[in-house]
PDB file of all heavy atoms in Angstrom:
ATOM      1  N   ILE A   1     143.550 -80.980 -73.045  1.00  0.00           N
ATOM      2  CA  ILE A   1     143.323 -81.829 -71.938  1.00  0.00           C
ATOM      3  C   ILE A   1     144.559 -82.195 -71.230  1.00  0.00           C
ATOM      4  O   ILE A   1     144.724 -82.386 -70.035  1.00  0.00           O
ATOM      5  CB  ILE A   1     142.491 -83.064 -72.353  1.00  0.00           C
ATOM      6  CG1 ILE A   1     141.164 -82.565 -72.907  1.00  0.00           C
ATOM      7  CG2 ILE A   1     142.232 -83.979 -71.187  1.00  0.00           C
ATOM      8  CD1 ILE A   1     140.271 -83.743 -73.491  1.00  0.00           C
ATOM      9  N   GLY A   2     145.584 -82.312 -72.031  1.00  0.00           N
ATOM     10  CA  GLY A   2     146.988 -82.696 -71.534  1.00  0.00           C
ATOM     11  C   GLY A   2     147.541 -81.751 -70.584  1.00  0.00           C
ATOM     12  O   GLY A   2     148.268 -82.083 -69.524  1.00  0.00           O
ATOM     13  N   GLU A   3     147.251 -80.460 -70.717  1.00  0.00           N
ATOM     14  CA  GLU A   3     147.741 -79.487 -69.788  1.00  0.00           C
ATOM     15  C   GLU A   3     147.162 -79.659 -68.395  1.00  0.00           C
ATOM     16  O   GLU A   3     147.941 -79.618 -67.411  1.00  0.00           O
ATOM     17  CB  GLU A   3     147.314 -78.118 -70.351  1.00  0.00           C
ATOM     18  CG  GLU A   3     148.071 -77.655 -71.668  1.00  0.00           C
ATOM     19  CD  GLU A   3     149.461 -77.431 -71.386  1.00  0.00           C
ATOM     20  OE1 GLU A   3     150.021 -77.224 -70.333  1.00  0.00           O
ATOM     21  OE2 GLU A   3     150.253 -77.667 -72.422  1.00  0.00           O
ATOM     22  N   ARG A   4     145.959 -80.122 -68.322  1.00  0.00           N
ATOM     23  CA  ARG A   4     145.453 -80.391 -66.900  1.00  0.00           C
ATOM     24  C   ARG A   4     146.016 -81.784 -66.462  1.00  0.00           C
ATOM     25  O   ARG A   4     146.212 -81.987 -65.251  1.00  0.00           O
ATOM     26  CB  ARG A   4     143.937 -80.365 -67.024  1.00  0.00           C
ATOM     27  CG  ARG A   4     143.192 -80.892 -65.804  1.00  0.00           C
ATOM     28  CD  ARG A   4     141.698 -80.679 -65.802  1.00  0.00           C
ATOM     29  NE  ARG A   4     141.066 -81.094 -64.542  1.00  0.00           N
ATOM     30  CZ  ARG A   4     141.105 -80.538 -63.378  1.00  0.00           C
ATOM     31  NH1 ARG A   4     141.774 -79.341 -63.250  1.00  0.00           N
ATOM     32  NH2 ARG A   4     140.539 -80.966 -62.259  1.00  0.00           N
ATOM     33  N   ALA A   5     146.038 -82.768 -67.466  1.00  0.00           N
ATOM     34  CA  ALA A   5     146.563 -84.012 -67.058  1.00  0.00           C
ATOM     35  C   ALA A   5     147.910 -84.004 -66.407  1.00  0.00           C
ATOM     36  O   ALA A   5     148.369 -84.727 -65.511  1.00  0.00           O
ATOM     37  CB  ALA A   5     146.472 -85.031 -68.270  1.00  0.00           C
ATOM     38  N   ASP A   6     148.799 -83.122 -66.936  1.00  0.00           N
ATOM     39  CA  ASP A   6     150.114 -83.068 -66.536  1.00  0.00           C
ATOM     40  C   ASP A   6     150.182 -82.693 -65.032  1.00  0.00           C
ATOM     41  O   ASP A   6     150.861 -83.218 -64.144  1.00  0.00           O
ATOM     42  CB  ASP A   6     150.842 -81.909 -67.408  1.00  0.00           C
ATOM     43  CG  ASP A   6     152.308 -81.812 -66.813  1.00  0.00           C
ATOM     44  OD1 ASP A   6     152.812 -82.690 -66.265  1.00  0.00           O
ATOM     45  OD2 ASP A   6     152.826 -80.534 -67.086  1.00  0.00           O
ATOM     46  N   GLY A   7     149.449 -81.654 -64.705  1.00  0.00           N
ATOM     47  CA  GLY A   7     149.384 -81.207 -63.296  1.00  0.00           C
ATOM     48  C   GLY A   7     148.921 -82.223 -62.272  1.00  0.00           C
ATOM     49  O   GLY A   7     149.568 -82.415 -61.197  1.00  0.00           O
ATOM     50  N   ILE A   8     147.735 -82.767 -62.621  1.00  0.00           N
ATOM     51  CA  ILE A   8     147.317 -83.736 -61.678  1.00  0.00           C
ATOM     52  C   ILE A   8     148.066 -85.050 -61.604  1.00  0.00           C
ATOM     53  O   ILE A   8     148.162 -85.752 -60.565  1.00  0.00           O
ATOM     54  CB  ILE A   8     145.706 -84.078 -61.978  1.00  0.00           C
ATOM     55  CG1 ILE A   8     145.633 -84.621 -63.321  1.00  0.00           C
ATOM     56  CG2 ILE A   8     144.926 -82.849 -61.857  1.00  0.00           C
ATOM     57  CD1 ILE A   8     144.209 -85.189 -63.617  1.00  0.00           C
ATOM     58  N   THR A   9     148.687 -85.455 -62.519  1.00  0.00           N
ATOM     59  CA  THR A   9     149.545 -86.620 -62.650  1.00  0.00           C
ATOM     60  C   THR A   9     150.789 -86.457 -61.722  1.00  0.00           C
ATOM     61  O   THR A   9     151.151 -87.316 -61.042  1.00  0.00           O
ATOM     62  CB  THR A   9     149.966 -86.979 -64.114  1.00  0.00           C
ATOM     63  OG1 THR A   9     148.872 -87.222 -64.910  1.00  0.00           O
ATOM     64  CG2 THR A   9     150.861 -88.275 -64.098  1.00  0.00           C
ATOM     65  N   LYS A  10     151.440 -85.222 -61.814  1.00  0.00           N
ATOM     66  CA  LYS A  10     152.553 -84.889 -61.063  1.00  0.00           C
ATOM     67  C   LYS A  10     152.101 -84.973 -59.545  1.00  0.00           C
ATOM     68  O   LYS A  10     152.910 -85.375 -58.699  1.00  0.00           O
ATOM     69  CB  LYS A  10     153.159 -83.568 -61.380  1.00  0.00           C
ATOM     70  CG  LYS A  10     153.862 -83.552 -62.696  1.00  0.00           C
ATOM     71  CD  LYS A  10     154.459 -82.216 -63.037  1.00  0.00           C
ATOM     72  CE  LYS A  10     155.227 -82.264 -64.293  1.00  0.00           C
ATOM     73  NZ  LYS A  10     155.752 -80.923 -64.613  1.00  0.00           N
ATOM     74  N   ARG A  11     150.973 -84.353 -59.257  1.00  0.00           N
ATOM     75  CA  ARG A  11     150.544 -84.333 -57.794  1.00  0.00           C
ATOM     76  C   ARG A  11     150.238 -85.747 -57.333  1.00  0.00           C
ATOM     77  O   ARG A  11     150.577 -86.080 -56.143  1.00  0.00           O
ATOM     78  CB  ARG A  11     149.242 -83.461 -57.734  1.00  0.00           C
ATOM     79  CG  ARG A  11     149.467 -81.923 -57.821  1.00  0.00           C
ATOM     80  CD  ARG A  11     148.224 -81.261 -57.343  1.00  0.00           C
ATOM     81  NE  ARG A  11     147.100 -81.411 -58.143  1.00  0.00           N
ATOM     82  CZ  ARG A  11     146.821 -80.714 -59.143  1.00  0.00           C
ATOM     83  NH1 ARG A  11     147.554 -79.800 -59.628  1.00  0.00           N
ATOM     84  NH2 ARG A  11     145.729 -80.958 -59.806  1.00  0.00           N
ATOM     85  N   GLN A  12     149.578 -86.686 -58.192  1.00  0.00           N
ATOM     86  CA  GLN A  12     149.439 -88.046 -57.785  1.00  0.00           C
ATOM     87  C   GLN A  12     150.704 -88.716 -57.608  1.00  0.00           C
ATOM     88  O   GLN A  12     150.760 -89.495 -56.680  1.00  0.00           O
ATOM     89  CB  GLN A  12     148.582 -88.665 -58.892  1.00  0.00           C
ATOM     90  CG  GLN A  12     148.143 -90.021 -58.520  1.00  0.00           C
ATOM     91  CD  GLN A  12     148.493 -91.097 -59.552  1.00  0.00           C
ATOM     92  OE1 GLN A  12     149.407 -90.846 -60.302  1.00  0.00           O
ATOM     93  NE2 GLN A  12     147.945 -92.325 -59.445  1.00  0.00           N
ATOM     94  N   TRP A  13     151.768 -88.508 -58.385  1.00  0.00           N
ATOM     95  CA  TRP A  13     152.977 -89.135 -58.259  1.00  0.00           C
ATOM     96  C   TRP A  13     153.700 -88.723 -56.934  1.00  0.00           C
ATOM     97  O   TRP A  13     154.255 -89.543 -56.056  1.00  0.00           O
ATOM     98  CB  TRP A  13     153.871 -88.856 -59.394  1.00  0.00           C
ATOM     99  CG  TRP A  13     155.275 -89.463 -59.288  1.00  0.00           C
ATOM    100  CD1 TRP A  13     156.468 -88.925 -59.040  1.00  0.00           C
ATOM    101  CD2 TRP A  13     155.581 -90.889 -59.421  1.00  0.00           C
ATOM    102  NE1 TRP A  13     157.473 -89.775 -58.896  1.00  0.00           N
ATOM    103  CE2 TRP A  13     157.041 -91.005 -59.120  1.00  0.00           C
ATOM    104  CE3 TRP A  13     154.862 -92.076 -59.750  1.00  0.00           C
ATOM    105  CZ2 TRP A  13     157.700 -92.295 -59.178  1.00  0.00           C
ATOM    106  CZ3 TRP A  13     155.479 -93.218 -59.711  1.00  0.00           C
ATOM    107  CH2 TRP A  13     156.885 -93.428 -59.578  1.00  0.00           C
ATOM    108  N   ARG A  14     153.598 -87.386 -56.694  1.00  0.00           N
ATOM    109  CA  ARG A  14     154.183 -86.925 -55.483  1.00  0.00           C
ATOM    110  C   ARG A  14     153.484 -87.519 -54.204  1.00  0.00           C
ATOM    111  O   ARG A  14     154.115 -87.910 -53.175  1.00  0.00           O
ATOM    112  CB  ARG A  14     154.195 -85.383 -55.321  1.00  0.00           C
ATOM    113  CG  ARG A  14     155.107 -84.723 -56.251  1.00  0.00           C
ATOM    114  CD  ARG A  14     155.292 -83.276 -55.892  1.00  0.00           C
ATOM    115  NE  ARG A  14     154.015 -82.557 -56.139  1.00  0.00           N
ATOM    116  CZ  ARG A  14     153.738 -81.898 -57.201  1.00  0.00           C
ATOM    117  NH1 ARG A  14     154.582 -81.956 -58.247  1.00  0.00           N
ATOM    118  NH2 ARG A  14     152.636 -81.264 -57.450  1.00  0.00           N
ATOM    119  N   THR A  15     152.125 -87.645 -54.317  1.00  0.00           N
ATOM    120  CA  THR A  15     151.419 -88.174 -53.166  1.00  0.00           C
ATOM    121  C   THR A  15     151.821 -89.668 -52.978  1.00  0.00           C
ATOM    122  O   THR A  15     151.938 -90.149 -51.822  1.00  0.00           O
ATOM    123  CB  THR A  15     149.926 -88.163 -53.426  1.00  0.00           C
ATOM    124  OG1 THR A  15     149.597 -86.714 -53.647  1.00  0.00           O
ATOM    125  CG2 THR A  15     149.101 -88.705 -52.312  1.00  0.00           C
ATOM    126  N   LEU A  16     152.039 -90.459 -54.047  1.00  0.00           N
ATOM    127  CA  LEU A  16     152.288 -91.872 -53.984  1.00  0.00           C
ATOM    128  C   LEU A  16     153.672 -91.921 -53.313  1.00  0.00           C
ATOM    129  O   LEU A  16     154.073 -92.883 -52.527  1.00  0.00           O
ATOM    130  CB  LEU A  16     152.340 -92.513 -55.355  1.00  0.00           C
ATOM    131  CG  LEU A  16     152.819 -93.903 -55.432  1.00  0.00           C
ATOM    132  CD1 LEU A  16     152.034 -94.801 -54.600  1.00  0.00           C
ATOM    133  CD2 LEU A  16     152.894 -94.404 -56.823  1.00  0.00           C
ATOM    134  N   SER A  17     154.686 -91.171 -53.743  1.00  0.00           N
ATOM    135  CA  SER A  17     156.028 -91.142 -53.171  1.00  0.00           C
ATOM    136  C   SER A  17     155.942 -90.775 -51.660  1.00  0.00           C
ATOM    137  O   SER A  17     156.659 -91.545 -50.862  1.00  0.00           O
ATOM    138  CB  SER A  17     156.969 -90.146 -53.953  1.00  0.00           C
ATOM    139  OG  SER A  17     157.118 -90.427 -55.200  1.00  0.00           O
ATOM    140  N   ARG A  18     155.153 -89.753 -51.235  1.00  0.00           N
ATOM    141  CA  ARG A  18     155.021 -89.388 -49.843  1.00  0.00           C
ATOM    142  C   ARG A  18     154.433 -90.584 -49.056  1.00  0.00           C
ATOM    143  O   ARG A  18     154.870 -90.846 -47.889  1.00  0.00           O
ATOM    144  CB  ARG A  18     154.282 -88.110 -49.604  1.00  0.00           C
ATOM    145  CG  ARG A  18     155.038 -86.927 -50.091  1.00  0.00           C
ATOM    146  CD  ARG A  18     154.397 -85.652 -49.479  1.00  0.00           C
ATOM    147  NE  ARG A  18     153.054 -85.552 -50.005  1.00  0.00           N
ATOM    148  CZ  ARG A  18     152.653 -84.811 -51.022  1.00  0.00           C
ATOM    149  NH1 ARG A  18     153.704 -84.156 -51.685  1.00  0.00           N
ATOM    150  NH2 ARG A  18     151.491 -84.714 -51.454  1.00  0.00           N
ATOM    151  N   MET A  19     153.435 -91.192 -49.622  1.00  0.00           N
ATOM    152  CA  MET A  19     152.734 -92.308 -48.899  1.00  0.00           C
ATOM    153  C   MET A  19     153.725 -93.495 -48.634  1.00  0.00           C
ATOM    154  O   MET A  19     153.763 -94.066 -47.626  1.00  0.00           O
ATOM    155  CB  MET A  19     151.517 -92.744 -49.699  1.00  0.00           C
ATOM    156  CG  MET A  19     150.702 -93.838 -49.116  1.00  0.00           C
ATOM    157  SD  MET A  19     149.238 -94.246 -49.970  1.00  0.00           S
ATOM    158  CE  MET A  19     149.961 -95.129 -51.361  1.00  0.00           C
ATOM    159  N   SER A  20     154.450 -93.714 -49.746  1.00  0.00           N
ATOM    160  CA  SER A  20     155.445 -94.955 -49.721  1.00  0.00           C
ATOM    161  C   SER A  20     156.522 -94.590 -48.653  1.00  0.00           C
ATOM    162  O   SER A  20     156.827 -95.488 -47.869  1.00  0.00           O
ATOM    163  CB  SER A  20     156.189 -95.167 -51.048  1.00  0.00           C
ATOM    164  OG  SER A  20     155.185 -95.394 -51.994  1.00  0.00           O
ATOM    165  N   ALA A  21     157.062 -93.283 -48.629  1.00  0.00           N
ATOM    166  CA  ALA A  21     157.936 -92.907 -47.669  1.00  0.00           C
ATOM    167  C   ALA A  21     157.414 -93.005 -46.219  1.00  0.00           C
ATOM    168  O   ALA A  21     158.119 -93.447 -45.282  1.00  0.00           O
ATOM    169  CB  ALA A  21     158.528 -91.541 -47.981  1.00  0.00           C
ATOM    170  N   HIS A  22     156.343 -92.475 -46.066  1.00  0.00           N
ATOM    171  CA  HIS A  22     155.681 -92.369 -44.628  1.00  0.00           C
ATOM    172  C   HIS A  22     155.368 -93.781 -44.155  1.00  0.00           C
ATOM    173  O   HIS A  22     155.689 -94.112 -42.948  1.00  0.00           O
ATOM    174  CB  HIS A  22     154.353 -91.590 -44.730  1.00  0.00           C
ATOM    175  CG  HIS A  22     153.780 -91.425 -43.373  1.00  0.00           C
ATOM    176  ND1 HIS A  22     154.212 -90.670 -42.390  1.00  0.00           N
ATOM    177  CD2 HIS A  22     152.685 -92.112 -42.781  1.00  0.00           C
ATOM    178  CE1 HIS A  22     153.420 -90.677 -41.316  1.00  0.00           C
ATOM    179  NE2 HIS A  22     152.525 -91.617 -41.569  1.00  0.00           N
ATOM    180  N   PHE A  23     154.882 -94.738 -45.133  1.00  0.00           N
ATOM    181  CA  PHE A  23     154.590 -96.029 -44.588  1.00  0.00           C
ATOM    182  C   PHE A  23     155.778 -96.808 -44.158  1.00  0.00           C
ATOM    183  O   PHE A  23     155.738 -97.419 -43.046  1.00  0.00           O
ATOM    184  CB  PHE A  23     153.838 -96.733 -45.648  1.00  0.00           C
ATOM    185  CG  PHE A  23     153.336 -98.170 -45.297  1.00  0.00           C
ATOM    186  CD1 PHE A  23     152.176 -98.299 -44.451  1.00  0.00           C
ATOM    187  CD2 PHE A  23     153.964 -99.271 -45.791  1.00  0.00           C
ATOM    188  CE1 PHE A  23     151.798 -99.459 -44.057  1.00  0.00           C
ATOM    189  CE2 PHE A  23     153.430-100.527 -45.487  1.00  0.00           C
ATOM    190  CZ  PHE A  23     152.325-100.631 -44.513  1.00  0.00           C
ATOM    191  N   LEU A  24     156.796 -96.663 -45.024  1.00  0.00           N
ATOM    192  CA  LEU A  24     158.116 -97.305 -44.500  1.00  0.00           C
ATOM    193  C   LEU A  24     158.770 -96.688 -43.299  1.00  0.00           C
ATOM    194  O   LEU A  24     159.247 -97.487 -42.416  1.00  0.00           O
ATOM    195  CB  LEU A  24     159.025 -97.305 -45.743  1.00  0.00           C
ATOM    196  CG  LEU A  24     160.454 -98.056 -45.467  1.00  0.00           C
ATOM    197  CD1 LEU A  24     160.134 -99.460 -45.150  1.00  0.00           C
ATOM    198  CD2 LEU A  24     161.370 -97.785 -46.666  1.00  0.00           C
ATOM    199  N   ASP A  25     158.652 -95.407 -43.126  1.00  0.00           N
ATOM    200  CA  ASP A  25     159.061 -94.784 -41.923  1.00  0.00           C
ATOM    201  C   ASP A  25     158.389 -95.255 -40.690  1.00  0.00           C
ATOM    202  O   ASP A  25     158.888 -95.564 -39.544  1.00  0.00           O
ATOM    203  CB  ASP A  25     158.996 -93.301 -41.998  1.00  0.00           C
ATOM    204  CG  ASP A  25     159.988 -92.651 -43.012  1.00  0.00           C
ATOM    205  OD1 ASP A  25     160.935 -93.292 -43.374  1.00  0.00           O
ATOM    206  OD2 ASP A  25     159.683 -91.437 -43.365  1.00  0.00           O
ATOM    207  N   VAL A  26     157.045 -95.433 -40.843  1.00  0.00           N
ATOM    208  CA  VAL A  26     156.264 -96.018 -39.714  1.00  0.00           C
ATOM    209  C   VAL A  26     156.681 -97.395 -39.401  1.00  0.00           C
ATOM    210  O   VAL A  26     156.792 -97.753 -38.126  1.00  0.00           O
ATOM    211  CB  VAL A  26     154.807 -95.967 -40.121  1.00  0.00           C
ATOM    212  CG1 VAL A  26     153.808 -96.596 -38.958  1.00  0.00           C
ATOM    213  CG2 VAL A  26     154.346 -94.386 -40.146  1.00  0.00           C
ATOM    214  N   LEU A  27     156.882 -98.233 -40.397  1.00  0.00           N
ATOM    215  CA  LEU A  27     157.261 -99.652 -40.090  1.00  0.00           C
ATOM    216  C   LEU A  27     158.756 -99.697 -39.454  1.00  0.00           C
ATOM    217  O   LEU A  27     158.762-100.552 -38.468  1.00  0.00           O
ATOM    218  CB  LEU A  27     157.441-100.451 -41.519  1.00  0.00           C
ATOM    219  CG  LEU A  27     155.978-100.692 -42.107  1.00  0.00           C
ATOM    220  CD1 LEU A  27     156.217-101.459 -43.354  1.00  0.00           C
ATOM    221  CD2 LEU A  27     155.102-101.500 -41.168  1.00  0.00           C
ATOM    222  N   GLN A  28     159.631 -98.765 -39.881  1.00  0.00           N
ATOM    223  CA  GLN A  28     160.928 -98.794 -39.331  1.00  0.00           C
ATOM    224  C   GLN A  28     160.920 -98.281 -37.831  1.00  0.00           C
ATOM    225  O   GLN A  28     161.685 -98.697 -37.052  1.00  0.00           O
ATOM    226  CB  GLN A  28     161.861 -97.986 -40.154  1.00  0.00           C
ATOM    227  CG  GLN A  28     162.175 -98.716 -41.520  1.00  0.00           C
ATOM    228  CD  GLN A  28     163.002 -97.759 -42.440  1.00  0.00           C
ATOM    229  OE1 GLN A  28     163.029 -96.555 -42.340  1.00  0.00           O
ATOM    230  NE2 GLN A  28     163.769 -98.343 -43.416  1.00  0.00           N
ATOM    231  N   GLY A  29     160.022 -97.364 -37.620  1.00  0.00           N
ATOM    232  CA  GLY A  29     160.022 -96.649 -36.322  1.00  0.00           C
ATOM    233  C   GLY A  29     158.936 -97.284 -35.349  1.00  0.00           C
ATOM    234  O   GLY A  29     158.630 -96.874 -34.268  1.00  0.00           O
ATOM    235  N   LEU A  30     158.254 -98.534 -35.808  1.00  0.00           N
ATOM    236  CA  LEU A  30     157.284 -99.132 -35.015  1.00  0.00           C
ATOM    237  C   LEU A  30     157.680 -99.387 -33.633  1.00  0.00           C
ATOM    238  O   LEU A  30     156.905 -99.235 -32.649  1.00  0.00           O
ATOM    239  CB  LEU A  30     156.709-100.300 -35.735  1.00  0.00           C
ATOM    240  CG  LEU A  30     155.371-100.827 -35.224  1.00  0.00           C
ATOM    241  CD1 LEU A  30     154.218 -99.699 -35.435  1.00  0.00           C
ATOM    242  CD2 LEU A  30     154.974-102.124 -36.083  1.00  0.00           C
ATOM    243  N   PRO A  31     158.898 -99.979 -33.316  1.00  0.00           N
ATOM    244  CA  PRO A  31     159.230-100.320 -31.904  1.00  0.00           C
ATOM    245  C   PRO A  31     159.251 -99.112 -31.019  1.00  0.00           C
ATOM    246  O   PRO A  31     158.764 -99.047 -29.922  1.00  0.00           O
ATOM    247  CB  PRO A  31     160.653-100.915 -32.120  1.00  0.00           C
ATOM    248  CG  PRO A  31     160.716-101.446 -33.434  1.00  0.00           C
ATOM    249  CD  PRO A  31     159.825-100.524 -34.386  1.00  0.00           C
ATOM    250  N   THR A  32     159.727 -97.916 -31.557  1.00  0.00           N
ATOM    251  CA  THR A  32     159.776 -96.544 -30.963  1.00  0.00           C
ATOM    252  C   THR A  32     158.345 -96.165 -30.575  1.00  0.00           C
ATOM    253  O   THR A  32     158.037 -95.694 -29.518  1.00  0.00           O
ATOM    254  CB  THR A  32     160.532 -95.598 -31.580  1.00  0.00           C
ATOM    255  OG1 THR A  32     161.921 -96.187 -31.838  1.00  0.00           O
ATOM    256  CG2 THR A  32     160.725 -94.376 -30.780  1.00  0.00           C
ATOM    257  N   LEU A  33     157.476 -96.210 -31.657  1.00  0.00           N
ATOM    258  CA  LEU A  33     156.086 -95.761 -31.453  1.00  0.00           C
ATOM    259  C   LEU A  33     155.431 -96.678 -30.393  1.00  0.00           C
ATOM    260  O   LEU A  33     154.639 -96.210 -29.496  1.00  0.00           O
ATOM    261  CB  LEU A  33     155.348 -95.912 -32.832  1.00  0.00           C
ATOM    262  CG  LEU A  33     155.804 -94.885 -33.891  1.00  0.00           C
ATOM    263  CD1 LEU A  33     155.158 -95.273 -35.225  1.00  0.00           C
ATOM    264  CD2 LEU A  33     155.558 -93.504 -33.536  1.00  0.00           C
ATOM    265  N   LYS A  34     155.683 -97.921 -30.366  1.00  0.00           N
ATOM    266  CA  LYS A  34     155.028 -98.840 -29.464  1.00  0.00           C
ATOM    267  C   LYS A  34     155.507 -98.444 -28.130  1.00  0.00           C
ATOM    268  O   LYS A  34     154.734 -98.552 -27.098  1.00  0.00           O
ATOM    269  CB  LYS A  34     155.407-100.323 -29.821  1.00  0.00           C
ATOM    270  CG  LYS A  34     154.593-100.876 -30.769  1.00  0.00           C
ATOM    271  CD  LYS A  34     153.213-101.374 -30.149  1.00  0.00           C
ATOM    272  CE  LYS A  34     152.399-102.226 -31.141  1.00  0.00           C
ATOM    273  NZ  LYS A  34     151.040-102.537 -30.625  1.00  0.00           N
ATOM    274  N   LEU A  35     156.784 -98.247 -28.015  1.00  0.00           N
ATOM    275  CA  LEU A  35     157.478 -97.871 -26.662  1.00  0.00           C
ATOM    276  C   LEU A  35     156.792 -96.628 -26.082  1.00  0.00           C
ATOM    277  O   LEU A  35     156.441 -96.584 -24.782  1.00  0.00           O
ATOM    278  CB  LEU A  35     158.896 -97.586 -26.872  1.00  0.00           C
ATOM    279  CG  LEU A  35     159.794 -97.384 -25.561  1.00  0.00           C
ATOM    280  CD1 LEU A  35     159.673 -98.486 -24.699  1.00  0.00           C
ATOM    281  CD2 LEU A  35     161.245 -96.989 -25.954  1.00  0.00           C
ATOM    282  N   PHE A  36     156.359 -95.597 -26.862  1.00  0.00           N
ATOM    283  CA  PHE A  36     155.813 -94.456 -26.383  1.00  0.00           C
ATOM    284  C   PHE A  36     154.255 -94.380 -26.515  1.00  0.00           C
ATOM    285  O   PHE A  36     153.718 -93.332 -26.286  1.00  0.00           O
ATOM    286  CB  PHE A  36     156.463 -93.211 -27.072  1.00  0.00           C
ATOM    287  CG  PHE A  36     157.816 -92.959 -26.649  1.00  0.00           C
ATOM    288  CD1 PHE A  36     158.897 -93.417 -27.553  1.00  0.00           C
ATOM    289  CD2 PHE A  36     158.125 -92.140 -25.489  1.00  0.00           C
ATOM    290  CE1 PHE A  36     160.144 -93.084 -27.136  1.00  0.00           C
ATOM    291  CE2 PHE A  36     159.417 -91.844 -25.195  1.00  0.00           C
ATOM    292  CZ  PHE A  36     160.546 -92.355 -25.966  1.00  0.00           C
TER     293      PHE A  36
END
């Protein structure tokens, strides 16, 4: 079972990292997004 758990855990961690990065990028770029 661990062989399958390894793959999906890595995908979940990468998704969390991308979500955190995208959310902060949106907050930092919110004035520019509002402007356009």
